[in-house]
C-alpha atoms as a PDB file:
ATOM      1  CA  MET A   1     -14.756 -13.897   9.081  1.00  0.00           C
ATOM      2  CA  ILE A   2     -12.491 -11.333  10.848  1.00  0.00           C
ATOM      3  CA  THR A   3      -9.323 -11.395  12.467  1.00  0.00           C
ATOM      4  CA  THR A   4      -6.808  -9.285  13.803  1.00  0.00           C
ATOM      5  CA  ILE A   5      -3.268  -9.846  12.328  1.00  0.00           C
ATOM      6  CA  PRO A   6      -0.271 -10.094  14.884  1.00  0.00           C
ATOM      7  CA  PHE A   7       1.503  -7.338  14.012  1.00  0.00           C
ATOM      8  CA  SER A   8       3.817  -5.092  16.211  1.00  0.00           C
ATOM      9  CA  GLY A   9       2.356  -1.457  14.260  1.00  0.00           C
ATOM     10  CA  PHE A  10       4.608   1.588  12.918  1.00  0.00           C
ATOM     11  CA  TYR A  11       5.946   3.318  16.457  1.00  0.00           C
ATOM     12  CA  GLY A  12       8.686   2.428  17.766  1.00  0.00           C
ATOM     13  CA  THR A  13       9.682  -0.905  16.008  1.00  0.00           C
ATOM     14  CA  HIS A  14      11.025  -2.857  13.026  1.00  0.00           C
ATOM     15  CA  HIS A  15       8.843  -1.971  11.026  1.00  0.00           C
ATOM     16  CA  GLU A  16       9.419   1.781  11.751  1.00  0.00           C
ATOM     17  CA  ALA A  17      13.297   0.857  11.352  1.00  0.00           C
ATOM     18  CA  GLU A  18      12.647  -0.728   8.165  1.00  0.00           C
ATOM     19  CA  ILE A  19      11.057   2.394   6.621  1.00  0.00           C
ATOM     20  CA  ASP A  20      13.503   4.859   7.539  1.00  0.00           C
ATOM     21  CA  GLY A  21      16.294   2.745   6.557  1.00  0.00           C
ATOM     22  CA  THR A  22      14.817   3.123   3.042  1.00  0.00           C
ATOM     23  CA  LEU A  23      14.287   7.208   3.319  1.00  0.00           C
ATOM     24  CA  GLU A  24      17.698   6.930   4.458  1.00  0.00           C
ATOM     25  CA  GLN A  25      19.185   5.505   1.107  1.00  0.00           C
ATOM     26  CA  MET A  26      17.114   7.509  -0.484  1.00  0.00           C
ATOM     27  CA  LEU A  27      19.005  10.647   0.739  1.00  0.00           C
ATOM     28  CA  SER A  28      22.680   9.018   0.947  1.00  0.00           C
ATOM     29  CA  ASP A  29      25.690   9.523  -1.476  1.00  0.00           C
ATOM     30  CA  SER A  30      27.181   6.155  -2.684  1.00  0.00           C
ATOM     31  CA  SER A  31      29.559   6.228   0.450  1.00  0.00           C
ATOM     32  CA  GLY A  32      26.427   6.204   2.815  1.00  0.00           C
ATOM     33  CA  CYS A  33      26.580   9.919   3.878  1.00  0.00           C
ATOM     34  CA  TYR A  34      24.208  12.882   4.132  1.00  0.00           C
ATOM     35  CA  PRO A  35      25.678  15.856   1.319  1.00  0.00           C
ATOM     36  CA  ILE A  36      22.439  17.789   2.133  1.00  0.00           C
ATOM     37  CA  SER A  37      21.855  19.617   5.370  1.00  0.00           C
ATOM     38  CA  ASP A  38      19.944  18.784   8.223  1.00  0.00           C
ATOM     39  CA  ARG A  39      16.935  21.341   7.547  1.00  0.00           C
ATOM     40  CA  ILE A  40      15.983  19.437   4.237  1.00  0.00           C
ATOM     41  CA  SER A  41      16.476  15.943   5.584  1.00  0.00           C
ATOM     42  CA  ASN A  42      14.082  17.149   8.552  1.00  0.00           C
ATOM     43  CA  ASP A  43      11.381  18.332   6.253  1.00  0.00           C
ATOM     44  CA  ILE A  44      11.713  15.369   4.067  1.00  0.00           C
ATOM     45  CA  TRP A  45      10.825  13.424   7.135  1.00  0.00           C
ATOM     46  CA  PHE A  46       7.822  15.238   7.942  1.00  0.00           C
ATOM     47  CA  HIS A  47       6.551  14.851   4.313  1.00  0.00           C
ATOM     48  CA  VAL A  48       6.500  11.220   4.921  1.00  0.00           C
ATOM     49  CA  SER A  49       3.833   9.523   5.967  1.00  0.00           C
ATOM     50  CA  THR A  50       3.689   5.620   6.785  1.00  0.00           C
ATOM     51  CA  PRO A  51       2.476   3.404   3.625  1.00  0.00           C
ATOM     52  CA  ARG A  52       0.348   1.454   5.901  1.00  0.00           C
ATOM     53  CA  VAL A  53      -2.114   0.036   3.172  1.00  0.00           C
ATOM     54  CA  GLU A  54       0.776  -0.854   1.103  1.00  0.00           C
ATOM     55  CA  TYR A  55       2.912  -2.388   3.525  1.00  0.00           C
ATOM     56  CA  THR A  56       0.230  -4.009   5.572  1.00  0.00           C
ATOM     57  CA  LYS A  57      -1.637  -5.959   2.726  1.00  0.00           C
ATOM     58  CA  ALA A  58       2.487  -7.193   1.619  1.00  0.00           C
ATOM     59  CA  PHE A  59       2.827  -7.916   5.364  1.00  0.00           C
ATOM     60  CA  VAL A  60      -0.418 -10.080   5.824  1.00  0.00           C
ATOM     61  CA  GLU A  61       0.501 -11.599   2.382  1.00  0.00           C
ATOM     62  CA  SER A  62       3.838 -13.131   3.639  1.00  0.00           C
ATOM     63  CA  PHE A  63       2.583 -13.633   6.998  1.00  0.00           C
ATOM     64  CA  GLN A  64       0.255 -16.233   5.755  1.00  0.00           C
ATOM     65  CA  VAL A  65       3.078 -18.136   3.440  1.00  0.00           C
ATOM     66  CA  LEU A  66       5.413 -17.928   6.875  1.00  0.00           C
ATOM     67  CA  LEU A  67       2.689 -19.180   8.855  1.00  0.00           C
ATOM     68  CA  ASN A  68       1.238 -22.087   6.599  1.00  0.00           C
ATOM     69  CA  GLN A  69       4.562 -23.271   6.258  1.00  0.00           C
ATOM     70  CA  GLU A  70       5.409 -23.499  10.039  1.00  0.00           C
ATOM     71  CA  THR A  71       2.054 -24.781  10.462  1.00  0.00           C
ATOM     72  CA  GLN A  72       1.832 -27.280   7.242  1.00  0.00           C
ATOM     73  CA  LEU A  73      -1.769 -25.769   7.311  1.00  0.00           C
ATOM     74  CA  ASN A  74      -3.016 -24.130   3.910  1.00  0.00           C
ATOM     75  CA  VAL A  75      -5.127 -20.928   5.557  1.00  0.00           C
ATOM     76  CA  LYS A  76      -6.221 -18.348   3.085  1.00  0.00           C
ATOM     77  CA  LEU A  77      -5.780 -14.488   5.004  1.00  0.00           C
ATOM     78  CA  GLU A  78      -7.294 -11.322   3.032  1.00  0.00           C
ATOM     79  CA  TRP A  79      -5.830  -7.783   4.284  1.00  0.00           C
ATOM     80  CA  GLU A  80      -9.334  -6.338   5.063  1.00  0.00           C
ATOM     81  CA  SER A  81      -8.377  -2.827   6.778  1.00  0.00           C
ATOM     82  CA  VAL A  82      -5.624  -1.174   9.219  1.00  0.00           C
ATOM     83  CA  ASP A  83      -6.528   0.860  11.886  1.00  0.00           C
ATOM     84  CA  SER A  84      -4.073   3.666  12.539  1.00  0.00           C
ATOM     85  CA  PRO A  85      -4.232   5.616  15.796  1.00  0.00           C
ATOM     86  CA  LYS A  86      -3.859   8.897  16.446  1.00  0.00           C
ATOM     87  CA  SER A  87      -1.851   9.114  19.239  1.00  0.00           C
ATOM     88  CA  CYS A  88       0.684   5.973  19.717  1.00  0.00           C
ATOM     89  CA  ASN A  89       0.255   6.319  23.941  1.00  0.00           C
ATOM     90  CA  PHE A  90      -2.343   3.836  24.165  1.00  0.00           C
ATOM     91  CA  SER A  91      -2.448   1.323  21.389  1.00  0.00           C
ATOM     92  CA  THR A  92      -0.565   0.415  17.795  1.00  0.00           C
ATOM     93  CA  ASP A  93      -1.463   0.162  14.856  1.00  0.00           C
ATOM     94  CA  ARG A  94      -4.001  -2.877  14.041  1.00  0.00           C
ATOM     95  CA  VAL A  95      -4.415  -5.194  10.961  1.00  0.00           C
ATOM     96  CA  TYR A  96      -7.525  -7.076  10.043  1.00  0.00           C
ATOM     97  CA  ALA A  97      -7.746  -9.681   7.568  1.00  0.00           C
ATOM     98  CA  THR A  98     -10.941 -12.083   6.608  1.00  0.00           C
ATOM     99  CA  VAL A  99     -10.731 -15.729   7.055  1.00  0.00           C
ATOM    100  CA  SER A 100     -13.150 -18.705   5.917  1.00  0.00           C
ATOM    101  CA  PHE A 101     -14.749 -20.568   9.463  1.00  0.00           C
ATOM    102  CA  SER A 102     -13.163 -23.579   7.598  1.00  0.00           C
ATOM    103  CA  ASP A 103      -9.719 -22.324   7.928  1.00  0.00           C
ATOM    104  CA  VAL A 104     -10.921 -20.810  11.815  1.00  0.00           C
ATOM    105  CA  GLN A 105     -11.424 -24.427  12.664  1.00  0.00           C
ATOM    106  CA  ALA A 106      -8.342 -25.741  10.944  1.00  0.00           C
ATOM    107  CA  MET A 107      -6.324 -23.252  13.377  1.00  0.00           C
ATOM    108  CA  PHE A 108      -8.140 -23.890  16.204  1.00  0.00           C
ATOM    109  CA  ASN A 109      -7.921 -27.606  16.298  1.00  0.00           C
ATOM    110  CA  LYS A 110      -3.910 -26.865  15.391  1.00  0.00           C
ATOM    111  CA  LEU A 111      -3.348 -24.712  18.523  1.00  0.00           C
ATOM    112  CA  ASP A 112      -2.150 -26.622  21.484  1.00  0.00           C
ATOM    113  CA  LYS A 113      -5.117 -25.296  24.095  1.00  0.00           C
ATOM    114  CA  THR A 114      -2.224 -25.328  26.685  1.00  0.00           C
ATOM    115  CA  VAL A 115      -1.085 -22.483  24.358  1.00  0.00           C
ATOM    116  CA  LEU A 116      -4.265 -20.867  23.773  1.00  0.00           C
ATOM    117  CA  ASP A 117      -4.935 -21.035  27.612  1.00  0.00           C
ATOM    118  CA  LYS A 118      -1.629 -18.758  28.091  1.00  0.00           C
ATOM    119  CA  THR A 119      -2.403 -16.457  25.204  1.00  0.00           C
ATOM    120  CA  ALA A 120      -6.023 -15.526  26.386  1.00  0.00           C
ATOM    121  CA  ARG A 121      -4.599 -14.872  30.010  1.00  0.00           C
ATOM    122  CA  SER A 122      -2.173 -12.781  28.791  1.00  0.00           C
ATOM    123  CA  ARG A 123      -4.720 -10.861  26.669  1.00  0.00           C
ATOM    124  CA  PHE A 124      -7.625 -10.334  28.228  1.00  0.00           C
ATOM    125  CA  THR A 125      -6.858 -10.762  31.929  1.00  0.00           C
ATOM    126  CA  SER A 126      -8.077  -7.125  33.592  1.00  0.00           C
ATOM    127  CA  TYR A 127      -5.430  -5.035  35.661  1.00  0.00           C
ATOM    128  CA  ASP A 128      -4.740  -1.924  36.612  1.00  0.00           C
ATOM    129  CA  GLY A 129      -4.990   1.029  33.840  1.00  0.00           C
ATOM    130  CA  PHE A 130      -6.784  -2.194  31.707  1.00  0.00           C
ATOM    131  CA  ILE A 131     -10.535  -3.289  31.808  1.00  0.00           C
ATOM    132  CA  SER A 132     -11.061  -6.771  29.720  1.00  0.00           C
ATOM    133  CA  HIS A 133     -14.044  -7.096  28.192  1.00  0.00           C
ATOM    134  CA  TYR A 134     -13.564 -10.566  27.351  1.00  0.00           C
ATOM    135  CA  SER A 135     -13.100 -13.580  30.061  1.00  0.00           C
ATOM    136  CA  PRO A 136      -9.350 -14.682  30.037  1.00  0.00           C
ATOM    137  CA  ASN A 137     -10.627 -18.330  30.000  1.00  0.00           C
ATOM    138  CA  TRP A 138     -11.676 -18.696  26.302  1.00  0.00           C
ATOM    139  CA  LYS A 139     -13.646 -21.644  27.392  1.00  0.00           C
ATOM    140  CA  ASP A 140     -16.235 -19.223  28.441  1.00  0.00           C
ATOM    141  CA  TRP A 141     -16.394 -17.538  24.746  1.00  0.00           C
ATOM    142  CA  GLY A 142     -19.004 -19.709  23.412  1.00  0.00           C
ATOM    143  CA  SER A 143     -19.164 -21.441  19.753  1.00  0.00           C
ATOM    144  CA  LEU A 144     -16.202 -21.272  17.677  1.00  0.00           C
ATOM    145  CA  LYS A 145     -18.282 -19.397  14.830  1.00  0.00           C
ATOM    146  CA  ASP A 146     -19.636 -16.928  17.103  1.00  0.00           C
ATOM    147  CA  TRP A 147     -16.191 -15.473  18.142  1.00  0.00           C
ATOM    148  CA  ASP A 148     -14.877 -11.994  17.053  1.00  0.00           C
ATOM    149  CA  HIS A 149     -11.784 -10.571  15.766  1.00  0.00           C
ATOM    150  CA  ASN A 150     -10.300 -10.276  18.625  1.00  0.00           C
ATOM    151  CA  GLN A 151     -10.626 -14.178  19.934  1.00  0.00           C
ATOM    152  CA  ILE A 152     -10.068 -15.401  16.161  1.00  0.00           C
ATOM    153  CA  GLY A 153      -6.512 -12.941  16.340  1.00  0.00           C
ATOM    154  CA  THR A 154      -6.371 -15.042  19.606  1.00  0.00           C
ATOM    155  CA  ILE A 155      -5.737 -17.755  17.853  1.00  0.00           C
ATOM    156  CA  LEU A 156      -3.376 -16.738  15.337  1.00  0.00           C
ATOM    157  CA  GLU A 157      -1.461 -15.105  18.428  1.00  0.00           C
ATOM    158  CA  GLY A 158      -1.067 -18.643  20.019  1.00  0.00           C
ATOM    159  CA  LEU A 159       0.084 -20.162  16.842  1.00  0.00           C
ATOM    160  CA  VAL A 160       2.376 -17.643  16.231  1.00  0.00           C
ATOM    161  CA  ASP A 161       4.100 -18.377  19.638  1.00  0.00           C
ATOM    162  CA  GLU A 162       3.860 -22.176  19.028  1.00  0.00           C
ATOM    163  CA  PHE A 163       5.186 -22.465  15.589  1.00  0.00           C
ATOM    164  CA  LEU A 164       7.177 -19.157  14.347  1.00  0.00           C
ATOM    165  CA  ARG A 165      10.444 -18.356  15.997  1.00  0.00           C
ATOM    166  CA  PRO A 166      10.256 -15.215  17.808  1.00  0.00           C
ATOM    167  CA  GLU A 167      11.784 -13.311  14.948  1.00  0.00           C
ATOM    168  CA  TRP A 168       9.405 -13.933  12.808  1.00  0.00           C
ATOM    169  CA  GLU A 169       8.066 -10.649  11.789  1.00  0.00           C
ATOM    170  CA  TRP A 170      11.612 -10.020  10.607  1.00  0.00           C
ATOM    171  CA  ASP A 171      11.347 -12.952   8.331  1.00  0.00           C
ATOM    172  CA  VAL A 172       7.655 -11.879   6.713  1.00  0.00           C
ATOM    173  CA  THR A 173       9.422  -8.623   6.087  1.00  0.00           C
ATOM    174  CA  GLU A 174      13.118  -9.759   4.880  1.00  0.00           C
ATOM    175  CA  ASP A 175      12.662  -9.713   1.032  1.00  0.00           C
ATOM    176  CA  TRP A 176      10.976  -5.889   0.970  1.00  0.00           C
ATOM    177  CA  ASN A 177      14.564  -4.096   0.439  1.00  0.00           C
ATOM    178  CA  SER A 178      16.151  -6.257  -1.817  1.00  0.00           C
ATOM    179  CA  ASN A 179      13.068  -6.000  -4.332  1.00  0.00           C
ATOM    180  CA  GLY A 180      12.452  -2.184  -3.856  1.00  0.00           C
ATOM    181  CA  ASP A 181       9.083  -2.474  -2.772  1.00  0.00           C
ATOM    182  CA  LEU A 182       9.949  -0.363   0.117  1.00  0.00           C
ATOM    183  CA  ASP A 183      11.846   2.360  -1.753  1.00  0.00           C
ATOM    184  CA  ASN A 184       8.097   2.454  -3.805  1.00  0.00           C
ATOM    185  CA  TRP A 185       6.086   2.420  -0.584  1.00  0.00           C
ATOM    186  CA  VAL A 186       8.078   5.082   0.886  1.00  0.00           C
ATOM    187  CA  PHE A 187       8.496   8.039  -2.307  1.00  0.00           C
ATOM    188  CA  ASP A 188       4.516   7.129  -3.181  1.00  0.00           C
ATOM    189  CA  ASN A 189       3.535   8.484   0.416  1.00  0.00           C
ATOM    190  CA  LEU A 190       5.233  11.526  -0.065  1.00  0.00           C
ATOM    191  CA  ASP A 191       3.205  14.608  -0.351  1.00  0.00           C
ATOM    192  CA  GLU A 192       3.882  16.982  -3.119  1.00  0.00           C
ATOM    193  CA  GLU A 193       6.200  19.181  -0.882  1.00  0.00           C
ATOM    194  CA  GLY A 194       7.707  15.920   0.413  1.00  0.00           C
ATOM    195  CA  GLN A 195       9.006  14.613  -3.534  1.00  0.00           C
ATOM    196  CA  ARG A 196      10.172  18.291  -4.329  1.00  0.00           C
ATOM    197  CA  LEU A 197      12.554  18.193  -1.573  1.00  0.00           C
ATOM    198  CA  VAL A 198      13.605  14.450  -2.325  1.00  0.00           C
ATOM    199  CA  THR A 199      14.038  16.042  -6.032  1.00  0.00           C
ATOM    200  CA  LEU A 200      16.051  18.169  -4.338  1.00  0.00           C
ATOM    201  CA  ALA A 201      18.491  16.051  -1.737  1.00  0.00           C
ATOM    202  CA  ASP A 202      18.664  13.958  -4.844  1.00  0.00           C
ATOM    203  CA  TYR A 203      20.438  16.996  -7.122  1.00  0.00           C
ATOM    204  CA  LEU A 204      22.989  17.813  -3.805  1.00  0.00           C
ATOM    205  CA  ARG A 205      23.525  14.502  -3.929  1.00  0.00           C
ATOM    206  CA  GLN A 206      25.002  14.216  -7.715  1.00  0.00           C
ATOM    207  CA  ARG A 207      26.158  17.583  -7.330  1.00  0.00           C
ATOM    208  CA  GLU A 208      28.347  16.312  -4.503  1.00  0.00           C
ATOM    209  CA  GLU A 209      29.623  13.212  -6.030  1.00  0.00           C
ATOM    210  CA  ARG A 210      30.727  15.485  -8.975  1.00  0.00           C
ATOM    211  CA  ARG A 211      33.155  17.066  -6.719  1.00  0.00           C
ATOM    212  CA  TYR A 212      34.916  13.807  -5.825  1.00  0.00           C
ATOM    213  CA  ARG A 213      35.250  12.285  -9.412  1.00  0.00           C
END
């Protein structure tokens, strides 16, 4: 079965800030200053693309660990895809994973149904500018084995609300800076011109540092 994974996306979020901070470190000298022109810095930003696949694969894996720790479940989630909109005005990045029906049943049984009530209403109640294609009452959705990715994702959203602390997305990604993963993902997602500019920035940084030795 396919499910959506709770994920706030890359635009204006903690995840964007993490990637931004990594690129800033790449362009800074040992004192944390920028020894490069604003023009070069802006050009590098233009040539970096968000490492969505690598980042979200790691996100699903770490989210699974955290979810199982906090709920005492043993759910297995495997990254399936990430869908990134061309415009962030109306939607954000969506992450999908595969999950077995037995694990869906286990998550459903674990979740407090009053929380599921609230989560379903929050996600699927129509309002001005949004027409829901789902009933806000999950009891109208039929057999659990027939639920789609959005409905199963509602279970996961409910488990997050019930068992994880509000800063849970920070918990999922807290080790990625220290182990160098973010550095690798950002650099690997620079196009050829972006990598050339980073090399130029590195040269300018080293030259600036030599001036003060």
